[in-house]
């Protein structure tokens, strides 16, 4: 069993905007891992290890190279400064507007502090419906997977786990946490409530309340 509440509370979340493009929003996650920087960096940049905690990945994993996650996003590796910083484009199609993910690592005691920032221009209707939870819940799941991997564990079947009671609880609490972060950033509480309901329904597969 995974301590879902503790896993949710391990992450600090914030929501903002970016002047890099009109309509750009940011989600930022911060989490501490009890592993050294070199190990966390390797887990985030080794194709073999990424496939164990996230998704199978292919491509040329070096500066200027391109990558593709199976059934998910792909893009170009824009910056790679071992073992501290990795920035990639994060797109489904080449026509997508600005969407970049940056991972930053720093030593913290005997462990590592990780920051993951996703800057993107989402379709306005998608943002209005789901808010930051649209991508935030997925990133929470990724950081959960990374933490289990670094501790020597794993979720055996992530797709089945997501629709299990445990997985649904994780998605629900993550959605609510992103709603709280969005409201703290100044979002209207009524809009936030709609975002939480729609995001939770999307990730759990359960219908949103009327």
N, C-alpha and C. Protein backbone atom coordinates (compact mmCIF):
# COMPACT_ATOMS: atom_id res chain seq x y z
N UNK A 1 0.83 -1.20 0.00
CA UNK A 1 0.00 0.00 0.00
C UNK A 1 0.87 1.26 0.00
N UNK A 2 0.41 2.26 -0.73
CA UNK A 2 1.11 3.54 -0.79
C UNK A 2 0.43 4.51 0.16
N UNK A 3 1.23 5.25 0.91
CA UNK A 3 0.67 6.28 1.79
C UNK A 3 0.31 7.47 0.91
N UNK A 4 -0.92 7.48 0.40
CA UNK A 4 -1.34 8.47 -0.58
C UNK A 4 -1.27 9.89 -0.01
N UNK A 5 -1.79 10.09 1.19
CA UNK A 5 -1.81 11.43 1.77
C UNK A 5 -0.39 11.97 1.91
N UNK A 6 0.53 11.13 2.40
CA UNK A 6 1.91 11.57 2.56
C UNK A 6 2.53 11.91 1.21
N UNK A 7 2.26 11.09 0.20
CA UNK A 7 2.82 11.35 -1.13
C UNK A 7 2.32 12.69 -1.69
N UNK A 8 1.05 12.98 -1.50
CA UNK A 8 0.51 14.26 -1.96
C UNK A 8 1.15 15.41 -1.20
N UNK A 9 1.31 15.24 0.10
CA UNK A 9 1.87 16.32 0.92
C UNK A 9 3.36 16.53 0.71
N UNK A 10 4.04 15.56 0.12
CA UNK A 10 5.47 15.71 -0.14
C UNK A 10 5.74 16.76 -1.20
N UNK A 11 4.75 17.09 -2.02
CA UNK A 11 4.95 18.01 -3.15
C UNK A 11 4.40 19.39 -2.81
N UNK A 12 5.20 20.41 -3.12
CA UNK A 12 4.73 21.79 -3.03
C UNK A 12 4.39 22.25 -4.45
N UNK A 13 3.21 22.84 -4.61
CA UNK A 13 2.69 23.18 -5.93
C UNK A 13 2.43 24.68 -6.02
N UNK A 14 2.71 25.25 -7.18
CA UNK A 14 2.34 26.64 -7.43
C UNK A 14 1.95 26.81 -8.88
N UNK A 15 1.12 27.80 -9.12
CA UNK A 15 0.56 28.08 -10.43
C UNK A 15 0.83 29.55 -10.76
N UNK A 16 1.20 29.81 -12.01
CA UNK A 16 1.46 31.19 -12.39
C UNK A 16 1.31 31.40 -13.88
N UNK A 17 1.80 32.53 -14.35
CA UNK A 17 1.79 32.85 -15.76
C UNK A 17 3.22 33.15 -16.20
N UNK A 18 3.43 33.19 -17.50
CA UNK A 18 4.76 33.44 -18.05
C UNK A 18 4.65 34.49 -19.14
N UNK A 19 5.67 35.36 -19.22
CA UNK A 19 5.71 36.37 -20.28
C UNK A 19 6.40 35.85 -21.54
N UNK A 20 6.67 34.55 -21.59
CA UNK A 20 7.36 33.98 -22.74
C UNK A 20 6.44 33.86 -23.95
N UNK A 21 5.13 33.87 -23.72
CA UNK A 21 4.17 33.83 -24.82
C UNK A 21 2.82 34.28 -24.29
N UNK A 22 2.00 34.85 -25.17
CA UNK A 22 0.67 35.27 -24.76
C UNK A 22 -0.15 34.05 -24.36
N UNK A 23 -0.78 34.13 -23.20
CA UNK A 23 -1.61 33.03 -22.73
C UNK A 23 -0.85 31.90 -22.09
N UNK A 24 0.44 32.10 -21.78
CA UNK A 24 1.24 31.03 -21.19
C UNK A 24 0.98 30.92 -19.69
N UNK A 25 0.82 29.69 -19.24
CA UNK A 25 0.64 29.38 -17.83
C UNK A 25 1.79 28.48 -17.36
N UNK A 26 2.03 28.49 -16.06
CA UNK A 26 3.08 27.64 -15.49
C UNK A 26 2.52 26.82 -14.34
N UNK A 27 2.98 25.58 -14.25
CA UNK A 27 2.78 24.79 -13.04
C UNK A 27 4.17 24.40 -12.54
N UNK A 28 4.36 24.50 -11.25
CA UNK A 28 5.67 24.22 -10.66
C UNK A 28 5.49 23.25 -9.50
N UNK A 29 6.28 22.17 -9.52
CA UNK A 29 6.25 21.18 -8.45
C UNK A 29 7.63 21.12 -7.82
N UNK A 30 7.66 21.05 -6.49
CA UNK A 30 8.92 20.92 -5.76
C UNK A 30 8.79 19.72 -4.83
N UNK A 31 9.82 18.86 -4.84
CA UNK A 31 9.79 17.69 -3.97
C UNK A 31 11.22 17.30 -3.58
N UNK A 32 11.36 16.81 -2.35
CA UNK A 32 12.65 16.32 -1.87
C UNK A 32 12.69 14.79 -1.99
N UNK A 33 13.85 14.28 -2.42
CA UNK A 33 14.07 12.83 -2.49
C UNK A 33 15.29 12.47 -1.65
N UNK A 34 15.19 11.34 -0.97
CA UNK A 34 16.31 10.84 -0.17
C UNK A 34 17.26 10.03 -1.04
N UNK A 35 17.81 10.69 -2.04
CA UNK A 35 18.78 10.09 -2.96
C UNK A 35 19.71 11.19 -3.42
N UNK A 36 20.94 10.84 -3.75
CA UNK A 36 21.87 11.90 -4.15
C UNK A 36 21.56 12.41 -5.54
N UNK A 37 22.12 13.58 -5.85
CA UNK A 37 21.82 14.26 -7.10
C UNK A 37 22.17 13.39 -8.30
N UNK A 38 23.30 12.71 -8.24
CA UNK A 38 23.72 11.88 -9.38
C UNK A 38 22.71 10.78 -9.67
N UNK A 39 22.16 10.18 -8.62
CA UNK A 39 21.18 9.10 -8.80
C UNK A 39 19.88 9.64 -9.38
N UNK A 40 19.40 10.77 -8.86
CA UNK A 40 18.16 11.36 -9.37
C UNK A 40 18.35 11.79 -10.82
N UNK A 41 19.49 12.39 -11.13
CA UNK A 41 19.77 12.81 -12.51
C UNK A 41 19.76 11.60 -13.45
N UNK A 42 20.41 10.54 -13.04
CA UNK A 42 20.45 9.34 -13.88
C UNK A 42 19.05 8.77 -14.10
N UNK A 43 18.24 8.78 -13.04
CA UNK A 43 16.88 8.26 -13.16
C UNK A 43 16.04 9.09 -14.12
N UNK A 44 16.35 10.38 -14.23
CA UNK A 44 15.58 11.29 -15.10
C UNK A 44 16.11 11.36 -16.52
N UNK A 45 17.29 10.80 -16.78
CA UNK A 45 17.91 10.97 -18.10
C UNK A 45 18.31 9.66 -18.77
N UNK A 46 18.27 8.55 -18.05
CA UNK A 46 18.59 7.25 -18.61
C UNK A 46 17.33 6.63 -19.20
N UNK A 47 17.38 6.27 -20.49
CA UNK A 47 16.20 5.69 -21.14
C UNK A 47 15.73 4.43 -20.41
N UNK A 48 16.67 3.61 -19.99
CA UNK A 48 16.30 2.36 -19.33
C UNK A 48 15.59 2.65 -18.02
N UNK A 49 16.06 3.63 -17.27
CA UNK A 49 15.44 3.93 -15.98
C UNK A 49 14.13 4.70 -16.13
N UNK A 50 14.04 5.60 -17.10
CA UNK A 50 12.80 6.34 -17.33
C UNK A 50 11.66 5.37 -17.61
N UNK A 51 11.95 4.32 -18.37
CA UNK A 51 10.90 3.36 -18.73
C UNK A 51 10.42 2.56 -17.52
N UNK A 52 11.22 2.54 -16.45
CA UNK A 52 10.84 1.78 -15.27
C UNK A 52 9.92 2.56 -14.34
N UNK A 53 9.97 3.89 -14.37
CA UNK A 53 9.12 4.66 -13.46
C UNK A 53 8.15 5.60 -14.16
N UNK A 54 8.34 5.79 -15.48
CA UNK A 54 7.48 6.72 -16.20
C UNK A 54 6.86 6.04 -17.42
N UNK A 55 7.50 6.16 -18.57
CA UNK A 55 7.01 5.56 -19.81
C UNK A 55 8.20 5.12 -20.66
N UNK A 56 8.02 4.13 -21.54
CA UNK A 56 9.08 3.79 -22.50
C UNK A 56 9.42 5.02 -23.34
N UNK A 57 10.71 5.22 -23.57
CA UNK A 57 11.17 6.40 -24.29
C UNK A 57 12.15 6.00 -25.38
N UNK A 58 12.09 6.67 -26.50
CA UNK A 58 13.01 6.42 -27.60
C UNK A 58 13.57 7.75 -28.09
N UNK A 59 14.63 7.67 -28.89
CA UNK A 59 15.21 8.87 -29.46
C UNK A 59 16.67 9.02 -29.12
N UNK A 60 17.19 10.19 -29.40
CA UNK A 60 18.59 10.50 -29.16
C UNK A 60 18.65 11.40 -27.93
N UNK A 61 18.93 10.79 -26.79
CA UNK A 61 18.83 11.50 -25.52
C UNK A 61 20.12 12.27 -25.22
N UNK A 62 20.30 13.36 -25.96
CA UNK A 62 21.43 14.25 -25.74
C UNK A 62 21.04 15.64 -26.22
N UNK A 63 21.85 16.64 -25.87
CA UNK A 63 21.55 18.02 -26.24
C UNK A 63 21.30 18.13 -27.74
N UNK A 64 20.17 18.71 -28.11
CA UNK A 64 19.81 18.86 -29.51
C UNK A 64 19.09 17.66 -30.10
N UNK A 65 19.06 16.55 -29.36
CA UNK A 65 18.40 15.35 -29.83
C UNK A 65 16.89 15.43 -29.62
N UNK A 66 16.20 14.47 -30.19
CA UNK A 66 14.76 14.40 -30.05
C UNK A 66 14.37 13.11 -29.33
N UNK A 67 13.28 13.17 -28.60
CA UNK A 67 12.82 12.02 -27.83
C UNK A 67 11.33 11.82 -28.09
N UNK A 68 10.85 10.63 -27.77
CA UNK A 68 9.41 10.35 -27.85
C UNK A 68 9.04 9.38 -26.74
N UNK A 69 8.06 9.78 -25.93
CA UNK A 69 7.52 8.91 -24.90
C UNK A 69 6.36 8.13 -25.50
N UNK A 70 6.33 6.84 -25.28
CA UNK A 70 5.32 5.98 -25.89
C UNK A 70 3.91 6.44 -25.50
N UNK A 71 3.11 6.76 -26.53
CA UNK A 71 1.74 7.16 -26.29
C UNK A 71 1.57 8.50 -25.63
N UNK A 72 2.61 9.32 -25.62
CA UNK A 72 2.55 10.58 -24.90
C UNK A 72 3.34 11.64 -25.66
N UNK A 73 3.91 12.57 -24.95
CA UNK A 73 4.59 13.71 -25.58
C UNK A 73 5.96 13.33 -26.12
N UNK A 74 6.47 14.20 -26.95
CA UNK A 74 7.83 14.10 -27.45
C UNK A 74 8.37 15.51 -27.62
N UNK A 75 9.58 15.61 -28.15
CA UNK A 75 10.13 16.94 -28.38
C UNK A 75 11.63 16.93 -28.53
N UNK A 76 12.20 18.10 -28.29
CA UNK A 76 13.63 18.32 -28.46
C UNK A 76 14.28 18.63 -27.12
N UNK A 77 15.50 18.17 -26.93
CA UNK A 77 16.25 18.46 -25.72
C UNK A 77 16.97 19.79 -25.92
N UNK A 78 16.50 20.83 -25.22
CA UNK A 78 16.98 22.19 -25.41
C UNK A 78 18.19 22.52 -24.56
N UNK A 79 18.21 22.04 -23.32
CA UNK A 79 19.34 22.27 -22.42
C UNK A 79 19.60 20.99 -21.64
N UNK A 80 20.86 20.68 -21.44
CA UNK A 80 21.24 19.50 -20.67
C UNK A 80 22.55 19.81 -19.97
N UNK A 81 22.46 20.07 -18.66
CA UNK A 81 23.62 20.48 -17.88
C UNK A 81 23.75 19.54 -16.68
N UNK A 82 24.33 18.35 -16.90
CA UNK A 82 24.44 17.34 -15.84
C UNK A 82 25.20 17.87 -14.64
N UNK A 83 24.79 17.53 -13.43
CA UNK A 83 23.54 16.83 -13.09
C UNK A 83 22.51 17.79 -12.50
N UNK A 84 22.36 18.97 -13.11
CA UNK A 84 21.55 20.02 -12.47
C UNK A 84 20.31 20.43 -13.23
N UNK A 85 20.36 20.46 -14.56
CA UNK A 85 19.27 21.09 -15.30
C UNK A 85 19.00 20.37 -16.61
N UNK A 86 17.73 20.14 -16.89
CA UNK A 86 17.28 19.55 -18.14
C UNK A 86 16.05 20.31 -18.60
N UNK A 87 16.07 20.79 -19.86
CA UNK A 87 14.89 21.46 -20.43
C UNK A 87 14.58 20.82 -21.77
N UNK A 88 13.29 20.51 -21.97
CA UNK A 88 12.85 19.89 -23.21
C UNK A 88 11.56 20.54 -23.68
N UNK A 89 11.31 20.49 -24.99
CA UNK A 89 9.97 20.81 -25.46
C UNK A 89 9.08 19.61 -25.15
N UNK A 90 7.79 19.88 -24.99
CA UNK A 90 6.86 18.84 -24.54
C UNK A 90 5.58 18.98 -25.38
N UNK A 91 5.54 18.31 -26.51
CA UNK A 91 4.43 18.52 -27.44
C UNK A 91 3.87 17.19 -27.94
N UNK A 92 2.61 17.25 -28.33
CA UNK A 92 1.96 16.10 -28.95
C UNK A 92 2.11 16.14 -30.47
N UNK A 93 2.08 17.35 -31.03
CA UNK A 93 2.28 17.54 -32.47
C UNK A 93 3.19 18.74 -32.67
N UNK A 94 3.80 18.83 -33.82
CA UNK A 94 4.71 19.93 -34.11
C UNK A 94 3.98 21.27 -34.20
N UNK A 95 2.66 21.22 -34.35
CA UNK A 95 1.88 22.46 -34.44
C UNK A 95 1.50 23.01 -33.08
N UNK A 96 1.82 22.30 -32.01
CA UNK A 96 1.47 22.78 -30.68
C UNK A 96 2.18 24.09 -30.38
N UNK A 97 1.52 25.00 -29.65
CA UNK A 97 2.20 26.23 -29.22
C UNK A 97 3.24 25.92 -28.15
N UNK A 98 3.80 26.98 -27.57
CA UNK A 98 4.84 26.82 -26.55
C UNK A 98 4.45 25.81 -25.49
N UNK A 99 5.33 24.83 -25.27
CA UNK A 99 5.16 23.86 -24.18
C UNK A 99 6.53 23.29 -23.88
N UNK A 100 7.08 23.68 -22.74
CA UNK A 100 8.41 23.23 -22.34
C UNK A 100 8.40 22.78 -20.89
N UNK A 101 9.21 21.79 -20.60
CA UNK A 101 9.37 21.28 -19.23
C UNK A 101 10.83 21.43 -18.83
N UNK A 102 11.05 21.97 -17.65
CA UNK A 102 12.42 22.10 -17.13
C UNK A 102 12.49 21.41 -15.77
N UNK A 103 13.50 20.58 -15.61
CA UNK A 103 13.77 19.89 -14.34
C UNK A 103 15.06 20.45 -13.77
N UNK A 104 15.00 20.87 -12.50
CA UNK A 104 16.18 21.43 -11.83
C UNK A 104 16.45 20.63 -10.56
N UNK A 105 17.70 20.25 -10.36
CA UNK A 105 18.10 19.47 -9.19
C UNK A 105 19.12 20.25 -8.37
N UNK A 106 19.02 20.12 -7.05
CA UNK A 106 20.00 20.73 -6.17
C UNK A 106 20.19 19.86 -4.94
N UNK A 107 21.39 19.87 -4.40
CA UNK A 107 21.68 19.10 -3.20
C UNK A 107 20.96 19.71 -2.01
N UNK A 108 20.44 18.85 -1.15
CA UNK A 108 19.76 19.29 0.06
C UNK A 108 20.06 18.28 1.15
N UNK A 109 21.01 18.60 1.99
CA UNK A 109 21.46 17.64 3.00
C UNK A 109 22.05 16.43 2.31
N UNK A 110 21.59 15.25 2.69
CA UNK A 110 22.08 14.03 2.06
C UNK A 110 21.20 13.61 0.88
N UNK A 111 20.22 14.47 0.54
CA UNK A 111 19.31 14.14 -0.55
C UNK A 111 19.31 15.19 -1.64
N UNK A 112 18.19 15.23 -2.37
CA UNK A 112 18.07 16.10 -3.54
C UNK A 112 16.72 16.80 -3.55
N UNK A 113 16.74 18.09 -3.83
CA UNK A 113 15.52 18.83 -4.10
C UNK A 113 15.31 18.88 -5.60
N UNK A 114 14.12 18.51 -6.04
CA UNK A 114 13.76 18.53 -7.46
C UNK A 114 12.69 19.56 -7.69
N UNK A 115 12.88 20.37 -8.73
CA UNK A 115 11.85 21.28 -9.19
C UNK A 115 11.50 20.91 -10.62
N UNK A 116 10.21 20.80 -10.90
CA UNK A 116 9.74 20.54 -12.26
C UNK A 116 8.78 21.65 -12.64
N UNK A 117 9.11 22.37 -13.70
CA UNK A 117 8.27 23.48 -14.15
C UNK A 117 7.81 23.22 -15.59
N UNK A 118 6.51 23.32 -15.80
CA UNK A 118 5.92 23.15 -17.13
C UNK A 118 5.32 24.48 -17.53
N UNK A 119 5.86 25.05 -18.62
CA UNK A 119 5.36 26.31 -19.17
C UNK A 119 4.67 25.99 -20.48
N UNK A 120 3.41 26.41 -20.63
CA UNK A 120 2.68 26.05 -21.84
C UNK A 120 1.57 27.05 -22.12
N UNK A 121 1.15 27.07 -23.38
CA UNK A 121 -0.01 27.85 -23.80
C UNK A 121 -1.13 26.84 -24.10
N UNK A 122 -1.97 26.55 -23.12
CA UNK A 122 -3.04 25.58 -23.35
C UNK A 122 -4.19 26.21 -24.14
N UNK A 123 -4.97 25.40 -24.84
CA UNK A 123 -6.19 25.94 -25.45
C UNK A 123 -7.06 26.59 -24.38
N UNK A 124 -7.58 27.79 -24.62
CA UNK A 124 -8.37 28.47 -23.58
C UNK A 124 -9.52 27.64 -23.04
N UNK A 125 -10.22 26.89 -23.90
CA UNK A 125 -11.35 26.11 -23.40
C UNK A 125 -10.88 24.99 -22.48
N UNK A 126 -9.70 24.43 -22.77
CA UNK A 126 -9.16 23.38 -21.91
C UNK A 126 -8.77 23.96 -20.55
N UNK A 127 -8.10 25.11 -20.55
CA UNK A 127 -7.71 25.74 -19.28
C UNK A 127 -8.94 26.11 -18.46
N UNK A 128 -9.97 26.66 -19.12
CA UNK A 128 -11.18 27.06 -18.41
C UNK A 128 -11.89 25.85 -17.80
N UNK A 129 -11.81 24.70 -18.47
CA UNK A 129 -12.49 23.51 -17.96
C UNK A 129 -11.71 22.81 -16.86
N UNK A 130 -10.40 22.65 -17.08
CA UNK A 130 -9.61 21.82 -16.17
C UNK A 130 -8.63 22.60 -15.29
N UNK A 131 -8.20 23.78 -15.74
CA UNK A 131 -7.20 24.52 -14.98
C UNK A 131 -5.86 23.79 -14.93
N UNK A 132 -5.03 24.08 -13.93
CA UNK A 132 -3.69 23.50 -13.87
C UNK A 132 -3.67 22.00 -13.60
N UNK A 133 -4.77 21.46 -13.08
CA UNK A 133 -4.80 20.03 -12.81
C UNK A 133 -4.71 19.17 -14.05
N UNK A 134 -5.02 19.74 -15.21
CA UNK A 134 -4.96 18.96 -16.45
C UNK A 134 -3.59 18.32 -16.63
N UNK A 135 -2.54 19.10 -16.37
CA UNK A 135 -1.19 18.54 -16.44
C UNK A 135 -0.63 18.25 -15.05
N UNK A 136 -1.12 19.01 -14.05
CA UNK A 136 -0.56 18.87 -12.71
C UNK A 136 -0.75 17.50 -12.11
N UNK A 137 -1.93 16.90 -12.31
CA UNK A 137 -2.17 15.57 -11.75
C UNK A 137 -1.23 14.55 -12.40
N UNK A 138 -1.02 14.69 -13.70
CA UNK A 138 -0.09 13.78 -14.37
C UNK A 138 1.33 13.92 -13.84
N UNK A 139 1.75 15.16 -13.60
CA UNK A 139 3.10 15.36 -13.05
C UNK A 139 3.20 14.85 -11.62
N UNK A 140 2.14 14.98 -10.84
CA UNK A 140 2.16 14.38 -9.51
C UNK A 140 2.38 12.87 -9.60
N UNK A 141 1.69 12.24 -10.56
CA UNK A 141 1.88 10.81 -10.76
C UNK A 141 3.30 10.46 -11.15
N UNK A 142 3.90 11.31 -11.99
CA UNK A 142 5.28 11.06 -12.40
C UNK A 142 6.24 11.16 -11.22
N UNK A 143 6.05 12.18 -10.38
CA UNK A 143 6.94 12.33 -9.21
C UNK A 143 6.72 11.22 -8.19
N UNK A 144 5.49 10.72 -8.10
CA UNK A 144 5.24 9.54 -7.27
C UNK A 144 6.03 8.35 -7.81
N UNK A 145 5.93 8.12 -9.11
CA UNK A 145 6.66 7.00 -9.72
C UNK A 145 8.15 7.12 -9.53
N UNK A 146 8.69 8.33 -9.68
CA UNK A 146 10.11 8.55 -9.49
C UNK A 146 10.51 8.24 -8.05
N UNK A 147 9.70 8.69 -7.09
CA UNK A 147 10.02 8.44 -5.69
C UNK A 147 10.03 6.96 -5.35
N UNK A 148 9.04 6.23 -5.87
CA UNK A 148 9.01 4.79 -5.62
C UNK A 148 10.22 4.11 -6.25
N UNK A 149 10.57 4.55 -7.46
CA UNK A 149 11.73 3.97 -8.15
C UNK A 149 13.02 4.21 -7.37
N UNK A 150 13.21 5.42 -6.91
CA UNK A 150 14.44 5.75 -6.17
C UNK A 150 14.54 4.97 -4.87
N UNK A 151 13.37 4.58 -4.33
CA UNK A 151 13.34 3.81 -3.08
C UNK A 151 13.36 2.31 -3.34
N UNK A 152 13.47 1.92 -4.61
CA UNK A 152 13.56 0.50 -4.95
C UNK A 152 12.24 -0.17 -5.23
N UNK A 153 11.17 0.61 -5.41
CA UNK A 153 9.86 0.04 -5.66
C UNK A 153 9.29 0.48 -6.99
N UNK A 154 8.03 0.13 -7.24
CA UNK A 154 7.36 0.51 -8.47
C UNK A 154 5.89 0.13 -8.38
N UNK A 155 5.07 0.78 -9.19
CA UNK A 155 3.67 0.37 -9.37
C UNK A 155 3.67 -0.63 -10.51
N UNK A 156 3.21 -1.84 -10.24
CA UNK A 156 3.34 -2.92 -11.22
C UNK A 156 2.59 -2.64 -12.52
N UNK A 157 1.36 -2.18 -12.41
CA UNK A 157 0.56 -1.89 -13.60
C UNK A 157 -0.07 -0.51 -13.43
N UNK A 158 0.60 0.55 -13.90
CA UNK A 158 0.11 1.91 -13.67
C UNK A 158 -1.30 2.16 -14.19
N UNK A 159 -1.66 1.58 -15.34
CA UNK A 159 -2.99 1.82 -15.90
C UNK A 159 -4.07 1.22 -15.00
N UNK A 160 -3.84 0.02 -14.51
CA UNK A 160 -4.81 -0.59 -13.60
C UNK A 160 -4.84 0.14 -12.26
N UNK A 161 -3.65 0.56 -11.79
CA UNK A 161 -3.58 1.26 -10.51
C UNK A 161 -4.36 2.57 -10.56
N UNK A 162 -4.32 3.28 -11.68
CA UNK A 162 -4.98 4.58 -11.78
C UNK A 162 -6.48 4.47 -11.54
N UNK A 163 -7.09 3.35 -11.94
CA UNK A 163 -8.53 3.20 -11.75
C UNK A 163 -8.88 2.35 -10.53
N UNK A 164 -7.86 1.99 -9.76
CA UNK A 164 -8.10 1.28 -8.49
C UNK A 164 -8.53 2.30 -7.44
N UNK A 165 -9.12 1.86 -6.32
CA UNK A 165 -9.49 2.81 -5.26
C UNK A 165 -8.30 3.66 -4.80
N UNK A 166 -7.13 3.04 -4.69
CA UNK A 166 -5.94 3.77 -4.26
C UNK A 166 -5.55 4.82 -5.29
N UNK A 167 -5.56 4.42 -6.57
CA UNK A 167 -5.21 5.36 -7.63
C UNK A 167 -6.20 6.50 -7.75
N UNK A 168 -7.48 6.19 -7.61
CA UNK A 168 -8.50 7.23 -7.68
C UNK A 168 -8.36 8.22 -6.51
N UNK A 169 -8.01 7.70 -5.34
CA UNK A 169 -7.79 8.59 -4.20
C UNK A 169 -6.62 9.53 -4.47
N UNK A 170 -5.56 8.99 -5.07
CA UNK A 170 -4.40 9.82 -5.39
C UNK A 170 -4.79 10.92 -6.37
N UNK A 171 -5.50 10.56 -7.44
CA UNK A 171 -5.89 11.55 -8.45
C UNK A 171 -6.82 12.61 -7.85
N UNK A 172 -7.74 12.18 -6.99
CA UNK A 172 -8.68 13.11 -6.38
C UNK A 172 -7.95 14.11 -5.48
N UNK A 173 -7.06 13.62 -4.63
CA UNK A 173 -6.34 14.51 -3.73
C UNK A 173 -5.39 15.42 -4.50
N UNK A 174 -4.79 14.89 -5.57
CA UNK A 174 -3.92 15.72 -6.41
C UNK A 174 -4.73 16.83 -7.07
N UNK A 175 -5.88 16.48 -7.63
CA UNK A 175 -6.74 17.48 -8.26
C UNK A 175 -7.13 18.57 -7.28
N UNK A 176 -7.47 18.17 -6.07
CA UNK A 176 -7.84 19.15 -5.05
C UNK A 176 -6.64 20.03 -4.66
N UNK A 177 -5.46 19.44 -4.60
CA UNK A 177 -4.26 20.21 -4.26
C UNK A 177 -3.95 21.24 -5.34
N UNK A 178 -4.15 20.86 -6.61
CA UNK A 178 -3.92 21.83 -7.69
C UNK A 178 -4.98 22.93 -7.67
N UNK A 179 -6.20 22.57 -7.28
CA UNK A 179 -7.21 23.60 -7.12
C UNK A 179 -6.84 24.59 -6.05
N UNK A 180 -6.31 24.10 -4.93
CA UNK A 180 -5.89 24.98 -3.85
C UNK A 180 -4.76 25.90 -4.30
N UNK A 181 -3.80 25.35 -5.07
CA UNK A 181 -2.69 26.15 -5.57
C UNK A 181 -3.20 27.23 -6.53
N UNK A 182 -4.16 26.85 -7.37
CA UNK A 182 -4.74 27.80 -8.33
C UNK A 182 -5.47 28.92 -7.60
N UNK A 183 -6.24 28.57 -6.58
CA UNK A 183 -6.95 29.59 -5.82
C UNK A 183 -5.97 30.50 -5.08
N UNK A 184 -4.90 29.94 -4.57
CA UNK A 184 -3.88 30.74 -3.90
C UNK A 184 -3.24 31.74 -4.85
N UNK A 185 -3.24 31.40 -6.16
CA UNK A 185 -2.66 32.29 -7.17
C UNK A 185 -3.66 33.35 -7.62
N UNK A 186 -4.88 33.32 -7.06
CA UNK A 186 -5.85 34.36 -7.34
C UNK A 186 -7.03 33.94 -8.19
N UNK A 187 -7.16 32.66 -8.51
CA UNK A 187 -8.27 32.21 -9.34
C UNK A 187 -9.59 32.29 -8.59
N UNK A 188 -10.67 32.49 -9.32
CA UNK A 188 -12.00 32.57 -8.75
C UNK A 188 -12.39 31.22 -8.14
N UNK A 189 -12.87 31.19 -6.89
CA UNK A 189 -13.21 29.92 -6.24
C UNK A 189 -14.26 29.11 -7.00
N UNK A 190 -15.19 29.77 -7.67
CA UNK A 190 -16.21 29.05 -8.43
C UNK A 190 -15.59 28.33 -9.61
N UNK A 191 -14.68 29.00 -10.29
CA UNK A 191 -13.97 28.38 -11.42
C UNK A 191 -13.11 27.23 -10.92
N UNK A 192 -12.44 27.44 -9.80
CA UNK A 192 -11.59 26.39 -9.23
C UNK A 192 -12.41 25.15 -8.91
N UNK A 193 -13.59 25.33 -8.35
CA UNK A 193 -14.43 24.18 -8.01
C UNK A 193 -14.80 23.39 -9.26
N UNK A 194 -15.11 24.11 -10.35
CA UNK A 194 -15.40 23.43 -11.62
C UNK A 194 -14.19 22.69 -12.13
N UNK A 195 -13.02 23.34 -12.07
CA UNK A 195 -11.77 22.70 -12.52
C UNK A 195 -11.50 21.41 -11.76
N UNK A 196 -11.68 21.45 -10.43
CA UNK A 196 -11.42 20.27 -9.61
C UNK A 196 -12.36 19.13 -10.01
N UNK A 197 -13.63 19.45 -10.16
CA UNK A 197 -14.61 18.42 -10.50
C UNK A 197 -14.31 17.80 -11.86
N UNK A 198 -14.00 18.61 -12.85
CA UNK A 198 -13.75 18.10 -14.20
C UNK A 198 -12.43 17.33 -14.26
N UNK A 199 -11.40 17.82 -13.59
CA UNK A 199 -10.10 17.14 -13.59
C UNK A 199 -10.21 15.80 -12.88
N UNK A 200 -10.88 15.78 -11.74
CA UNK A 200 -11.05 14.53 -10.99
C UNK A 200 -11.79 13.50 -11.82
N UNK A 201 -12.84 13.94 -12.49
CA UNK A 201 -13.62 13.02 -13.33
C UNK A 201 -12.77 12.48 -14.47
N UNK A 202 -11.95 13.32 -15.07
CA UNK A 202 -11.11 12.89 -16.18
C UNK A 202 -10.12 11.81 -15.74
N UNK A 203 -9.46 12.01 -14.61
CA UNK A 203 -8.42 11.07 -14.18
C UNK A 203 -8.98 9.81 -13.52
N UNK A 204 -10.12 9.92 -12.86
CA UNK A 204 -10.67 8.75 -12.18
C UNK A 204 -11.63 7.95 -13.06
N UNK A 205 -12.18 8.62 -14.08
CA UNK A 205 -13.18 7.94 -14.90
C UNK A 205 -14.57 7.99 -14.31
N UNK A 206 -14.72 8.60 -13.14
CA UNK A 206 -16.03 8.73 -12.51
C UNK A 206 -16.71 10.02 -13.01
N UNK A 207 -18.02 10.02 -13.15
CA UNK A 207 -18.70 11.22 -13.66
C UNK A 207 -18.56 12.39 -12.70
N UNK A 208 -18.45 13.58 -13.30
CA UNK A 208 -18.38 14.79 -12.48
C UNK A 208 -19.76 15.10 -11.91
N UNK A 209 -19.83 15.63 -10.71
CA UNK A 209 -21.13 15.99 -10.13
C UNK A 209 -21.81 17.09 -10.94
N UNK A 210 -23.12 17.05 -10.99
CA UNK A 210 -23.87 18.07 -11.72
C UNK A 210 -23.85 19.41 -10.97
